[in-house]
Protein backbone atom coordinates (compact mmCIF):
# COMPACT_ATOMS: atom_id res chain seq x y z
CA UNK A 1 314.50 231.48 60.98
CA UNK A 2 314.56 234.34 63.42
CA UNK A 3 311.28 236.27 63.63
CA UNK A 4 312.02 238.68 66.49
CA UNK A 5 313.92 239.32 69.72
CA UNK A 6 312.79 240.07 73.25
CA UNK A 7 315.10 241.71 75.77
CA UNK A 8 315.01 242.09 79.49
CA UNK A 9 315.55 245.77 80.29
CA UNK A 10 317.95 246.37 83.21
CA UNK A 11 321.19 244.47 82.79
CA UNK A 12 320.43 243.22 79.29
CA UNK A 13 319.34 246.03 76.98
CA UNK A 14 320.35 249.01 79.13
CA UNK A 15 323.11 249.48 81.69
CA UNK A 16 321.05 251.27 84.34
CA UNK A 17 323.17 250.41 87.39
CA UNK A 18 325.13 253.68 87.54
CA UNK A 19 321.98 255.70 88.18
CA UNK A 20 321.03 253.35 91.02
CA UNK A 21 324.52 253.52 92.49
CA UNK A 22 324.55 257.35 92.51
CA UNK A 23 321.14 257.54 94.19
CA UNK A 24 321.90 254.96 96.86
CA UNK A 25 325.30 256.43 97.67
CA UNK A 26 323.69 259.86 98.14
CA UNK A 27 321.05 258.34 100.41
CA UNK A 28 323.66 256.48 102.46
CA UNK A 29 325.62 259.70 102.94
CA UNK A 30 322.51 261.59 104.06
CA UNK A 31 321.76 258.84 106.59
CA UNK A 32 325.29 259.02 107.97
CA UNK A 33 326.30 255.65 106.61
CA UNK A 34 329.49 254.73 104.72
CA UNK A 35 329.28 254.21 100.95
CA UNK A 36 328.49 250.74 99.67
CA UNK A 37 330.62 248.94 97.10
CA UNK A 38 329.27 249.78 93.66
CA UNK A 39 329.56 246.15 92.55
CA UNK A 40 327.50 245.07 95.55
CA UNK A 41 324.66 247.35 94.44
CA UNK A 42 325.10 246.37 90.80
CA UNK A 43 324.69 242.67 91.62
CA UNK A 44 321.30 243.41 93.22
CA UNK A 45 319.79 245.48 90.39
CA UNK A 46 317.81 242.53 89.03
CA UNK A 47 316.13 242.19 92.42
CA UNK A 48 314.86 245.77 92.19
CA UNK A 49 314.76 248.51 94.79
CA UNK A 50 314.10 246.06 97.62
CA UNK A 51 317.21 244.02 96.83
CA UNK A 52 319.46 247.05 96.36
CA UNK A 53 318.27 248.95 99.44
CA UNK A 54 318.22 245.99 101.82
CA UNK A 55 321.79 245.15 100.75
CA UNK A 56 323.17 248.70 100.85
CA UNK A 57 321.49 249.67 104.11
CA UNK A 58 321.77 246.19 105.68
CA UNK A 59 318.10 246.49 106.52
CA UNK A 60 315.30 243.96 106.27
CA UNK A 61 312.38 244.90 103.98
CA UNK A 62 310.15 244.18 106.98
CA UNK A 63 311.84 246.87 109.07
CA UNK A 64 309.68 249.84 110.06
CA UNK A 65 311.95 252.34 108.30
CA UNK A 66 312.17 250.42 105.02
CA UNK A 67 308.95 251.60 103.34
CA UNK A 68 309.89 255.29 103.65
CA UNK A 69 313.41 254.53 102.48
CA UNK A 70 312.09 252.75 99.39
CA UNK A 71 309.63 255.52 98.57
CA UNK A 72 312.46 258.07 98.78
CA UNK A 73 314.57 255.94 96.46
CA UNK A 74 311.78 255.51 93.90
CA UNK A 75 311.01 259.23 93.93
CA UNK A 76 314.64 260.12 93.30
CA UNK A 77 314.92 257.53 90.53
CA UNK A 78 311.78 258.75 88.80
CA UNK A 79 313.26 262.24 88.66
CA UNK A 80 316.61 261.09 87.24
CA UNK A 81 316.20 257.67 85.69
CA UNK A 82 318.40 258.10 82.62
CA UNK A 83 321.22 260.37 83.77
CA UNK A 84 323.95 257.74 83.43
CA UNK A 85 321.98 254.95 81.72
CA UNK A 86 323.20 253.80 78.31
CA UNK A 87 322.76 250.74 76.08
CA UNK A 88 325.42 248.14 76.73
CA UNK A 89 328.29 248.28 74.18
CA UNK A 90 327.17 246.34 71.13
CA UNK A 91 323.43 246.80 71.72
CA UNK A 92 323.06 249.86 69.47
CA UNK A 93 324.63 247.99 66.55
CA UNK A 94 322.37 245.01 67.22
CA UNK A 95 319.22 247.15 67.24
CA UNK A 96 320.32 248.88 64.02
CA UNK A 97 320.67 245.46 62.37
CA UNK A 98 317.29 244.27 63.63
CA UNK A 99 315.65 247.43 62.30
CA UNK A 100 317.42 247.08 58.94
CA UNK A 101 316.27 243.46 58.67
CA UNK A 102 312.75 244.51 59.68
CA UNK A 103 312.89 242.11 62.60
CA UNK A 104 310.73 243.40 65.45
CA UNK A 105 312.19 243.60 68.93
CA UNK A 106 310.55 244.20 72.26
CA UNK A 107 311.18 244.52 75.97
CA UNK A 108 309.76 242.27 78.68
CA UNK A 109 310.62 243.60 82.11
CA UNK A 110 309.69 243.39 85.77
CA UNK A 111 310.18 247.16 85.97
CA UNK A 112 306.92 249.05 86.39
CA UNK A 113 305.49 251.11 83.52
CA UNK A 114 305.97 254.33 85.46
CA UNK A 115 309.73 253.85 85.08
CA UNK A 116 310.04 251.70 81.94
CA UNK A 117 308.11 253.95 79.55
CA UNK A 118 309.99 257.20 80.31
CA UNK A 119 313.28 255.29 80.44
CA UNK A 120 312.83 254.05 76.87
CA UNK A 121 311.66 257.50 75.80
CA UNK A 122 314.67 259.25 77.32
CA UNK A 123 317.12 256.78 75.79
CA UNK A 124 315.55 257.21 72.34
CA UNK A 125 314.32 253.62 72.06
CA UNK A 126 310.58 254.00 72.61
CA UNK A 127 309.72 254.66 68.97
CA UNK A 128 311.77 251.66 67.80
CA UNK A 129 310.51 249.16 70.37
CA UNK A 130 307.66 247.07 68.91
CA UNK A 131 306.41 245.94 72.32
CA UNK A 132 307.00 246.84 75.96
CA UNK A 133 305.43 244.57 78.55
CA UNK A 134 305.69 245.54 82.22
CA UNK A 135 304.48 243.60 85.29
CA UNK A 136 301.56 245.97 85.86
CA UNK A 137 300.24 245.05 82.39
CA UNK A 138 299.90 241.31 83.03
CA UNK A 139 298.41 239.04 85.68
CA UNK A 140 301.69 237.14 86.15
CA UNK A 141 305.16 238.57 85.54
CA UNK A 142 308.34 236.67 84.78
CA UNK A 143 309.16 233.80 85.19
CA UNK A 144 305.62 233.10 84.01
CA UNK A 145 305.50 233.14 80.17
CA UNK A 146 302.46 235.44 80.02
CA UNK A 147 304.44 238.64 79.43
CA UNK A 148 306.66 237.05 76.76
CA UNK A 149 303.64 235.66 74.92
CA UNK A 150 301.87 239.02 75.16
CA UNK A 151 304.91 240.72 73.58
CA UNK A 152 304.96 238.22 70.71
CA UNK A 153 301.26 238.80 70.15
CA UNK A 154 301.81 242.56 69.99
CA UNK A 155 304.74 242.08 67.59
CA UNK A 156 302.62 239.64 65.55
CA UNK A 157 305.27 236.92 65.52
CA UNK A 158 305.39 233.22 66.36
CA UNK A 159 307.09 232.64 69.74
CA UNK A 160 308.89 229.65 68.23
CA UNK A 161 310.93 232.03 66.06
CA UNK A 162 311.62 234.52 68.84
CA UNK A 163 314.76 234.75 71.00
CA UNK A 164 314.54 235.88 74.64
CA UNK A 165 317.69 237.57 75.98
CA UNK A 166 318.06 238.13 79.71
CA UNK A 167 320.51 238.33 82.60
CA UNK A 168 318.39 236.56 85.22
CA UNK A 169 317.11 233.02 85.69
CA UNK A 170 313.50 234.23 85.49
CA UNK A 171 314.14 235.60 81.97
CA UNK A 172 315.34 232.24 80.75
CA UNK A 173 312.48 230.45 82.51
CA UNK A 174 309.91 232.79 80.94
CA UNK A 175 311.40 232.38 77.47
CA UNK A 176 311.61 228.61 77.72
CA UNK A 177 308.05 228.33 79.03
CA UNK A 178 306.89 230.42 76.07
CA UNK A 179 308.58 228.03 73.63
CA UNK A 180 311.44 230.38 72.70
CA UNK A 181 315.17 229.95 72.34
CA UNK A 182 316.99 231.86 75.08
CA UNK A 183 320.28 233.67 75.58
CA UNK A 184 321.81 234.25 79.01
CA UNK A 185 323.35 237.73 79.09
CA UNK A 186 326.30 237.09 81.40
CA UNK A 187 327.48 240.70 81.06
CA UNK A 188 324.47 241.78 83.13
CA UNK A 189 323.80 242.02 86.83
CA UNK A 190 324.63 238.53 88.03
CA UNK A 191 325.88 237.82 91.56
CA UNK A 192 329.43 236.45 91.54
CA UNK A 193 328.30 233.04 92.78
CA UNK A 194 325.46 232.61 90.27
CA UNK A 195 325.49 229.26 88.45
CA UNK A 196 324.22 230.32 85.03
CA UNK A 197 324.71 226.81 83.62
CA UNK A 198 321.80 225.68 85.78
CA UNK A 199 319.56 228.08 83.84
CA UNK A 200 319.77 225.77 80.79
CA UNK A 201 319.67 228.65 78.32
CA UNK A 202 320.02 227.86 74.62
CA UNK A 203 323.13 230.03 74.42
CA UNK A 204 325.10 232.44 76.60
CA UNK A 205 327.26 235.49 75.89
CA UNK A 206 329.91 237.19 77.97
CA UNK A 207 329.57 240.51 76.15
CA UNK A 208 326.65 242.18 74.41
CA UNK A 209 328.70 242.48 71.21
CA UNK A 210 328.49 238.67 70.88
CA UNK A 211 324.73 238.82 70.36
CA UNK A 212 324.77 240.24 66.83
CA UNK A 213 326.89 237.56 65.10
CA UNK A 214 324.94 234.77 66.84
CA UNK A 215 321.60 236.22 65.79
CA UNK A 216 322.84 236.88 62.25
CA UNK A 217 323.78 233.22 61.94
CA UNK A 218 320.39 232.22 63.31
CA UNK A 219 318.69 234.41 60.71
CA UNK A 220 320.37 232.74 57.74
CA UNK A 221 317.97 230.63 55.65
CA UNK A 222 318.62 226.92 55.74
CA UNK A 223 320.87 225.70 52.95
CA UNK A 224 319.10 223.57 50.39
CA UNK A 225 320.50 220.11 49.79
CA UNK A 226 318.44 219.43 46.66
């Protein structure tokens, strides 16, 4: 039976892309550059500020100007990290069900604590989240299983009964390496050419609203045949 759920943060639990798009478009305008396609930025969210900025500005991370550009981006994001961010449709209902069933849920992210903690606070999820594990809290981030196992330890659950939900290959790899069932969140920030079948997730969903019925079925006790 289901004992708990772990979520990736950006692109799985929360739709954070719109805040990134607004910041990058403003920066492009200030640098005299044309706007970038929103979907182009969205597809790079899982690769963090480096992926988004290098794509939008067509600039290598090794370029001399990149470090200052990234610091400007991070400063702007820290000041307005939940302006447009919302849970994906269907996530609020899922979290309500998990809380009602007294099933703990947590977040395992590659987003630093300096952003993740206030983001959960500003979206009203911090007090409900049983564990938040960020890369600066572990020796090895995803795809290593360390962060997923740390979250299960904090939630006091067996990893074998936990489900890891994520929109990136490293989420599925971390969950599998930790001995968990996994769900590929295909509604997240995947590049158009991504082959999610190669991830070998236990299950996949096209919309966040599909998570609840699947998890409810998973939570049903096995039928006795005696």
